[in-house]
Amino acid sequence: PAPLARGLFCLSRSVGILAHAWEQT
């Protein structure tokens, strides 16, 4: 369903978010 597409994007982008937050730390 369309609303799950945003949730799946959040899951995907969370990996990059974690990597950048860790690198900045």
PDB file of all heavy atoms in Angstrom:
ATOM      1  N   PRO A   1       0.841  -1.199   0.000  1.00  0.00           N
ATOM      2  CA  PRO A   1       0.000   0.000   0.000  1.00  0.00           C
ATOM      3  C   PRO A   1       0.879   1.253   0.000  1.00  0.00           C
ATOM      4  O   PRO A   1       2.001   1.244   0.524  1.00  0.00           O
ATOM      5  CB  PRO A   1      -0.798  -0.116   1.309  1.00  0.00           C
ATOM      6  CG  PRO A   1      -0.721  -1.561   1.688  1.00  0.00           C
ATOM      7  CD  PRO A   1       0.608  -2.041   1.182  1.00  0.00           C
ATOM      8  N   ALA A   2       0.357   2.327  -0.579  1.00  0.00           N
ATOM      9  CA  ALA A   2       1.153   3.558  -0.709  1.00  0.00           C
ATOM     10  C   ALA A   2       1.735   4.050   0.608  1.00  0.00           C
ATOM     11  O   ALA A   2       2.922   4.405   0.663  1.00  0.00           O
ATOM     12  CB  ALA A   2       0.311   4.645  -1.377  1.00  0.00           C
ATOM     13  N   PRO A   3       0.969   4.104   1.722  1.00  0.00           N
ATOM     14  CA  PRO A   3       1.562   4.628   2.965  1.00  0.00           C
ATOM     15  C   PRO A   3       2.768   3.822   3.445  1.00  0.00           C
ATOM     16  O   PRO A   3       3.676   4.383   4.074  1.00  0.00           O
ATOM     17  CB  PRO A   3       0.407   4.541   3.970  1.00  0.00           C
ATOM     18  CG  PRO A   3      -0.830   4.625   3.131  1.00  0.00           C
ATOM     19  CD  PRO A   3      -0.481   3.867   1.882  1.00  0.00           C
ATOM     20  N   LEU A   4       2.803   2.529   3.145  1.00  0.00           N
ATOM     21  CA  LEU A   4       3.959   1.741   3.572  1.00  0.00           C
ATOM     22  C   LEU A   4       5.221   2.118   2.809  1.00  0.00           C
ATOM     23  O   LEU A   4       6.333   1.881   3.295  1.00  0.00           O
ATOM     24  CB  LEU A   4       3.680   0.244   3.400  1.00  0.00           C
ATOM     25  CG  LEU A   4       2.984  -0.454   4.571  1.00  0.00           C
ATOM     26  CD1 LEU A   4       2.752  -1.921   4.257  1.00  0.00           C
ATOM     27  CD2 LEU A   4       3.797  -0.312   5.856  1.00  0.00           C
ATOM     28  N   ALA A   5       5.066   2.722   1.625  1.00  0.00           N
ATOM     29  CA  ALA A   5       6.250   3.141   0.867  1.00  0.00           C
ATOM     30  C   ALA A   5       7.065   4.148   1.661  1.00  0.00           C
ATOM     31  O   ALA A   5       8.299   4.121   1.640  1.00  0.00           O
ATOM     32  CB  ALA A   5       5.838   3.724  -0.482  1.00  0.00           C
ATOM     33  N   ARG A   6       6.388   5.047   2.373  1.00  0.00           N
ATOM     34  CA  ARG A   6       7.123   6.014   3.191  1.00  0.00           C
ATOM     35  C   ARG A   6       7.800   5.310   4.365  1.00  0.00           C
ATOM     36  O   ARG A   6       8.944   5.608   4.701  1.00  0.00           O
ATOM     37  CB  ARG A   6       6.214   7.118   3.703  1.00  0.00           C
ATOM     38  CG  ARG A   6       7.019   8.220   4.400  1.00  0.00           C
ATOM     39  CD  ARG A   6       6.179   9.316   4.998  1.00  0.00           C
ATOM     40  NE  ARG A   6       5.189   9.856   4.088  1.00  0.00           N
ATOM     41  CZ  ARG A   6       4.716  11.100   4.171  1.00  0.00           C
ATOM     42  NH1 ARG A   6       5.171  11.920   5.092  1.00  0.00           N
ATOM     43  NH2 ARG A   6       3.785  11.522   3.345  1.00  0.00           N
ATOM     44  N   GLY A   7       7.103   4.380   4.992  1.00  0.00           N
ATOM     45  CA  GLY A   7       7.702   3.637   6.091  1.00  0.00           C
ATOM     46  C   GLY A   7       8.923   2.856   5.648  1.00  0.00           C
ATOM     47  O   GLY A   7       9.944   2.805   6.352  1.00  0.00           O
ATOM     48  N   LEU A   8       8.845   2.245   4.465  1.00  0.00           N
ATOM     49  CA  LEU A   8       9.983   1.500   3.944  1.00  0.00           C
ATOM     50  C   LEU A   8      11.151   2.432   3.636  1.00  0.00           C
ATOM     51  O   LEU A   8      12.309   2.083   3.874  1.00  0.00           O
ATOM     52  CB  LEU A   8       9.565   0.726   2.694  1.00  0.00           C
ATOM     53  CG  LEU A   8       8.570  -0.409   2.939  1.00  0.00           C
ATOM     54  CD1 LEU A   8       8.028  -0.951   1.622  1.00  0.00           C
ATOM     55  CD2 LEU A   8       9.192  -1.533   3.758  1.00  0.00           C
ATOM     56  N   PHE A   9      10.850   3.622   3.116  1.00  0.00           N
ATOM     57  CA  PHE A   9      11.919   4.600   2.891  1.00  0.00           C
ATOM     58  C   PHE A   9      12.572   4.994   4.211  1.00  0.00           C
ATOM     59  O   PHE A   9      13.799   5.142   4.289  1.00  0.00           O
ATOM     60  CB  PHE A   9      11.374   5.843   2.178  1.00  0.00           C
ATOM     61  CG  PHE A   9      12.424   6.906   1.993  1.00  0.00           C
ATOM     62  CD1 PHE A   9      13.404   6.776   1.028  1.00  0.00           C
ATOM     63  CD2 PHE A   9      12.460   8.029   2.808  1.00  0.00           C
ATOM     64  CE1 PHE A   9      14.390   7.748   0.860  1.00  0.00           C
ATOM     65  CE2 PHE A   9      13.423   8.997   2.658  1.00  0.00           C
ATOM     66  CZ  PHE A   9      14.396   8.859   1.678  1.00  0.00           C
ATOM     67  N   CYS A  10      11.760   5.182   5.248  1.00  0.00           N
ATOM     68  CA  CYS A  10      12.324   5.524   6.562  1.00  0.00           C
ATOM     69  C   CYS A  10      13.271   4.429   7.035  1.00  0.00           C
ATOM     70  O   CYS A  10      14.351   4.715   7.580  1.00  0.00           O
ATOM     71  CB  CYS A  10      11.208   5.730   7.580  1.00  0.00           C
ATOM     72  SG  CYS A  10      10.252   7.242   7.351  1.00  0.00           S
ATOM     73  N   LEU A  11      12.893   3.168   6.839  1.00  0.00           N
ATOM     74  CA  LEU A  11      13.766   2.063   7.228  1.00  0.00           C
ATOM     75  C   LEU A  11      15.080   2.119   6.448  1.00  0.00           C
ATOM     76  O   LEU A  11      16.165   1.957   7.018  1.00  0.00           O
ATOM     77  CB  LEU A  11      13.075   0.729   6.969  1.00  0.00           C
ATOM     78  CG  LEU A  11      11.964   0.320   7.926  1.00  0.00           C
ATOM     79  CD1 LEU A  11      11.304  -0.965   7.439  1.00  0.00           C
ATOM     80  CD2 LEU A  11      12.501   0.126   9.333  1.00  0.00           C
ATOM     81  N   SER A  12      14.971   2.331   5.149  1.00  0.00           N
ATOM     82  CA  SER A  12      16.155   2.387   4.304  1.00  0.00           C
ATOM     83  C   SER A  12      17.059   3.544   4.693  1.00  0.00           C
ATOM     84  O   SER A  12      18.255   3.367   4.963  1.00  0.00           O
ATOM     85  CB  SER A  12      15.722   2.519   2.843  1.00  0.00           C
ATOM     86  OG  SER A  12      16.826   2.760   1.999  1.00  0.00           O
ATOM     87  N   ARG A  13      16.521   4.742   4.750  1.00  0.00           N
ATOM     88  CA  ARG A  13      17.323   5.929   5.024  1.00  0.00           C
ATOM     89  C   ARG A  13      17.898   5.908   6.435  1.00  0.00           C
ATOM     90  O   ARG A  13      18.923   6.546   6.699  1.00  0.00           O
ATOM     91  CB  ARG A  13      16.481   7.186   4.778  1.00  0.00           C
ATOM     92  CG  ARG A  13      17.206   8.514   4.943  1.00  0.00           C
ATOM     93  CD  ARG A  13      18.507   8.617   4.170  1.00  0.00           C
ATOM     94  NE  ARG A  13      18.377   8.433   2.742  1.00  0.00           N
ATOM     95  CZ  ARG A  13      18.137   9.398   1.868  1.00  0.00           C
ATOM     96  NH1 ARG A  13      17.972  10.647   2.287  1.00  0.00           N
ATOM     97  NH2 ARG A  13      18.074   9.133   0.578  1.00  0.00           N
ATOM     98  N   SER A  14      17.264   5.173   7.355  1.00  0.00           N
ATOM     99  CA  SER A  14      17.791   5.086   8.722  1.00  0.00           C
ATOM    100  C   SER A  14      19.199   4.510   8.751  1.00  0.00           C
ATOM    101  O   SER A  14      19.985   4.833   9.645  1.00  0.00           O
ATOM    102  CB  SER A  14      16.863   4.233   9.592  1.00  0.00           C
ATOM    103  OG  SER A  14      15.653   4.907   9.843  1.00  0.00           O
ATOM    104  N   VAL A  15      19.520   3.672   7.786  1.00  0.00           N
ATOM    105  CA  VAL A  15      20.875   3.107   7.731  1.00  0.00           C
ATOM    106  C   VAL A  15      21.891   4.214   7.449  1.00  0.00           C
ATOM    107  O   VAL A  15      22.926   4.323   8.115  1.00  0.00           O
ATOM    108  CB  VAL A  15      20.956   2.001   6.659  1.00  0.00           C
ATOM    109  CG1 VAL A  15      22.375   1.441   6.584  1.00  0.00           C
ATOM    110  CG2 VAL A  15      19.963   0.891   6.960  1.00  0.00           C
ATOM    111  N   GLY A  16      21.612   5.052   6.460  1.00  0.00           N
ATOM    112  CA  GLY A  16      22.496   6.181   6.173  1.00  0.00           C
ATOM    113  C   GLY A  16      22.541   7.171   7.312  1.00  0.00           C
ATOM    114  O   GLY A  16      23.594   7.729   7.634  1.00  0.00           O
ATOM    115  N   ILE A  17      21.383   7.404   7.925  1.00  0.00           N
ATOM    116  CA  ILE A  17      21.318   8.313   9.074  1.00  0.00           C
ATOM    117  C   ILE A  17      22.219   7.818  10.198  1.00  0.00           C
ATOM    118  O   ILE A  17      22.979   8.585  10.794  1.00  0.00           O
ATOM    119  CB  ILE A  17      19.852   8.448   9.543  1.00  0.00           C
ATOM    120  CG1 ILE A  17      19.052   9.283   8.528  1.00  0.00           C
ATOM    121  CG2 ILE A  17      19.780   9.060  10.936  1.00  0.00           C
ATOM    122  CD1 ILE A  17      17.561   9.240   8.756  1.00  0.00           C
ATOM    123  N   LEU A  18      22.143   6.534  10.492  1.00  0.00           N
ATOM    124  CA  LEU A  18      22.991   5.949  11.547  1.00  0.00           C
ATOM    125  C   LEU A  18      24.465   6.101  11.192  1.00  0.00           C
ATOM    126  O   LEU A  18      25.285   6.500  12.029  1.00  0.00           O
ATOM    127  CB  LEU A  18      22.641   4.476  11.738  1.00  0.00           C
ATOM    128  CG  LEU A  18      23.553   3.677  12.665  1.00  0.00           C
ATOM    129  CD1 LEU A  18      23.541   4.246  14.076  1.00  0.00           C
ATOM    130  CD2 LEU A  18      23.152   2.200  12.668  1.00  0.00           C
ATOM    131  N   ALA A  19      24.817   5.808   9.948  1.00  0.00           N
ATOM    132  CA  ALA A  19      26.223   5.878   9.535  1.00  0.00           C
ATOM    133  C   ALA A  19      26.767   7.301   9.681  1.00  0.00           C
ATOM    134  O   ALA A  19      27.881   7.505  10.186  1.00  0.00           O
ATOM    135  CB  ALA A  19      26.358   5.399   8.088  1.00  0.00           C
ATOM    136  N   HIS A  20      26.000   8.291   9.245  1.00  0.00           N
ATOM    137  CA  HIS A  20      26.465   9.677   9.318  1.00  0.00           C
ATOM    138  C   HIS A  20      26.504  10.190  10.757  1.00  0.00           C
ATOM    139  O   HIS A  20      27.415  10.928  11.130  1.00  0.00           O
ATOM    140  CB  HIS A  20      25.584  10.573   8.448  1.00  0.00           C
ATOM    141  CG  HIS A  20      25.930  10.511   6.999  1.00  0.00           C
ATOM    142  ND1 HIS A  20      26.909  11.298   6.428  1.00  0.00           N
ATOM    143  CD2 HIS A  20      25.437   9.735   5.999  1.00  0.00           C
ATOM    144  CE1 HIS A  20      27.001  11.014   5.137  1.00  0.00           C
ATOM    145  NE2 HIS A  20      26.113  10.080   4.846  1.00  0.00           N
ATOM    146  N   ALA A  21      25.512   9.806  11.548  1.00  0.00           N
ATOM    147  CA  ALA A  21      25.524  10.225  12.955  1.00  0.00           C
ATOM    148  C   ALA A  21      26.738   9.636  13.668  1.00  0.00           C
ATOM    149  O   ALA A  21      27.400  10.316  14.464  1.00  0.00           O
ATOM    150  CB  ALA A  21      24.228   9.796  13.641  1.00  0.00           C
ATOM    151  N   TRP A  22      27.041   8.396  13.371  1.00  0.00           N
ATOM    152  CA  TRP A  22      28.200   7.746  13.999  1.00  0.00           C
ATOM    153  C   TRP A  22      29.499   8.379  13.526  1.00  0.00           C
ATOM    154  O   TRP A  22      30.394   8.652  14.320  1.00  0.00           O
ATOM    155  CB  TRP A  22      28.189   6.253  13.692  1.00  0.00           C
ATOM    156  CG  TRP A  22      29.363   5.508  14.235  1.00  0.00           C
ATOM    157  CD1 TRP A  22      30.311   4.837  13.541  1.00  0.00           C
ATOM    158  CD2 TRP A  22      29.725   5.350  15.626  1.00  0.00           C
ATOM    159  NE1 TRP A  22      31.237   4.270  14.379  1.00  0.00           N
ATOM    160  CE2 TRP A  22      30.903   4.572  15.668  1.00  0.00           C
ATOM    161  CE3 TRP A  22      29.162   5.798  16.819  1.00  0.00           C
ATOM    162  CZ2 TRP A  22      31.533   4.234  16.866  1.00  0.00           C
ATOM    163  CZ3 TRP A  22      29.803   5.453  18.016  1.00  0.00           C
ATOM    164  CH2 TRP A  22      30.968   4.676  18.031  1.00  0.00           C
ATOM    165  N   GLU A  23      29.608   8.633  12.205  1.00  0.00           N
ATOM    166  CA  GLU A  23      30.824   9.264  11.691  1.00  0.00           C
ATOM    167  C   GLU A  23      31.038  10.636  12.321  1.00  0.00           C
ATOM    168  O   GLU A  23      32.156  10.977  12.721  1.00  0.00           O
ATOM    169  CB  GLU A  23      30.743   9.401  10.175  1.00  0.00           C
ATOM    170  CG  GLU A  23      32.005  10.033   9.579  1.00  0.00           C
ATOM    171  CD  GLU A  23      31.910  10.212   8.082  1.00  0.00           C
ATOM    172  OE1 GLU A  23      31.042  11.003   7.635  1.00  0.00           O
ATOM    173  OE2 GLU A  23      32.702   9.585   7.364  1.00  0.00           O
ATOM    174  N   GLN A  24      29.956  11.424  12.423  1.00  0.00           N
ATOM    175  CA  GLN A  24      30.081  12.747  13.016  1.00  0.00           C
ATOM    176  C   GLN A  24      30.486  12.656  14.480  1.00  0.00           C
ATOM    177  O   GLN A  24      31.284  13.470  14.972  1.00  0.00           O
ATOM    178  CB  GLN A  24      28.769  13.519  12.884  1.00  0.00           C
ATOM    179  CG  GLN A  24      28.874  14.975  13.291  1.00  0.00           C
ATOM    180  CD  GLN A  24      29.812  15.770  12.409  1.00  0.00           C
ATOM    181  OE1 GLN A  24      29.616  15.866  11.208  1.00  0.00           O
ATOM    182  NE2 GLN A  24      30.860  16.336  13.007  1.00  0.00           N
ATOM    183  N   THR A  25      29.952  11.666  15.179  1.00  0.00           N
ATOM    184  CA  THR A  25      30.331  11.460  16.579  1.00  0.00           C
ATOM    185  C   THR A  25      31.822  11.181  16.697  1.00  0.00           C
ATOM    186  O   THR A  25      32.509  11.699  17.602  1.00  0.00           O
ATOM    187  CB  THR A  25      29.530  10.293  17.185  1.00  0.00           C
ATOM    188  OG1 THR A  25      28.133  10.600  17.104  1.00  0.00           O
ATOM    189  CG2 THR A  25      29.907  10.052  18.628  1.00  0.00           C
TER     190      THR A  25
END
